[in-house]
Amino acid sequence: MEFADSPVREEEKTMADDKSKRGEADRRQVAGGEGYEVNYFARKHGISRDQAEDLIRRVGNDRAKLDAAAEKLKK
């Protein structure tokens, strides 16, 4: 609800998790807070969900770095 005396900035009108707004930056990162992305990452690399979550906490959400770390984990 908007009130006349409380203007809403343009960046506040869209939600942060707007799944319709996807681009290259979205593909380069793994959203650790999204269960389906963590599950996909874990399945892709043949590791457990707990291992995937641990990697995301330690390495960050950069997909290339996570892929490399997951490959090292499997060896």
Protein backbone atom coordinates (compact mmCIF):
# COMPACT_ATOMS: atom_id res chain seq x y z
CA MET A 1 0.00 0.00 0.00
CA GLU A 2 1.35 3.40 -0.92
CA PHE A 3 0.51 6.58 0.93
CA ALA A 4 0.72 10.03 -0.59
CA ASP A 5 3.07 11.25 2.11
CA SER A 6 5.48 8.27 1.87
CA PRO A 7 6.99 8.02 -1.60
CA VAL A 8 8.25 4.62 -2.75
CA ARG A 9 11.56 4.54 -4.53
CA GLU A 10 11.70 2.65 -7.82
CA GLU A 11 14.10 0.00 -6.46
CA GLU A 12 11.66 -0.79 -3.63
CA LYS A 13 8.87 -1.68 -6.06
CA THR A 14 10.44 -4.95 -7.18
CA MET A 15 11.19 -7.93 -4.99
CA ALA A 16 14.72 -9.26 -4.70
CA ASP A 17 13.61 -12.79 -5.56
CA ASP A 18 11.80 -11.86 -8.78
CA LYS A 19 12.31 -15.08 -10.77
CA SER A 20 11.24 -13.37 -14.00
CA LYS A 21 14.26 -11.05 -13.90
CA ARG A 22 17.10 -13.34 -14.96
CA GLY A 23 20.27 -12.52 -16.70
CA GLU A 24 23.90 -13.49 -17.05
CA ALA A 25 24.75 -12.50 -13.50
CA ASP A 26 22.10 -14.90 -12.18
CA ARG A 27 23.65 -17.81 -14.06
CA ARG A 28 27.13 -17.12 -12.71
CA GLN A 29 26.06 -17.57 -9.11
CA VAL A 30 24.51 -20.29 -6.99
CA ALA A 31 21.81 -18.95 -4.70
CA GLY A 32 22.68 -20.70 -1.46
CA GLY A 33 19.37 -19.66 0.07
CA GLU A 34 17.38 -21.40 -2.66
CA GLY A 35 17.01 -25.08 -1.84
CA TYR A 36 16.41 -26.14 -5.42
CA GLU A 37 19.69 -24.53 -6.53
CA VAL A 38 21.65 -26.19 -3.74
CA ASN A 39 20.04 -29.55 -4.58
CA TYR A 40 20.84 -29.13 -8.28
CA PHE A 41 24.45 -28.22 -7.54
CA ALA A 42 24.84 -31.23 -5.23
CA ARG A 43 23.32 -33.66 -7.78
CA LYS A 44 25.40 -32.19 -10.60
CA HIS A 45 28.61 -32.94 -8.73
CA GLY A 46 27.56 -36.14 -6.98
CA ILE A 47 27.97 -34.68 -3.50
CA SER A 48 25.59 -34.44 -0.56
CA ARG A 49 23.46 -31.39 0.09
CA ASP A 50 25.41 -30.79 3.31
CA GLN A 51 28.67 -30.82 1.36
CA ALA A 52 27.21 -28.39 -1.18
CA GLU A 53 26.02 -26.03 1.56
CA ASP A 54 29.44 -26.18 3.22
CA LEU A 55 31.16 -25.32 -0.07
CA ILE A 56 28.84 -22.36 -0.63
CA ARG A 57 29.61 -21.08 2.88
CA ARG A 58 33.38 -21.50 2.42
CA VAL A 59 33.85 -20.54 -1.24
CA GLY A 60 30.97 -18.12 -1.82
CA ASN A 61 28.35 -18.26 -4.54
CA ASP A 62 30.50 -17.91 -7.67
CA ARG A 63 29.52 -20.91 -9.81
CA ALA A 64 32.95 -21.37 -11.46
CA LYS A 65 34.76 -21.38 -8.10
CA LEU A 66 32.17 -23.74 -6.63
CA ASP A 67 32.46 -26.12 -9.59
CA ALA A 68 36.25 -26.25 -9.14
CA ALA A 69 35.95 -26.79 -5.37
CA ALA A 70 33.38 -29.56 -5.86
CA GLU A 71 35.67 -31.35 -8.32
CA LYS A 72 38.53 -31.22 -5.79
CA LEU A 73 36.18 -32.53 -3.11
CA LYS A 74 35.37 -35.64 -5.16
CA LYS A 75 39.07 -36.60 -5.59
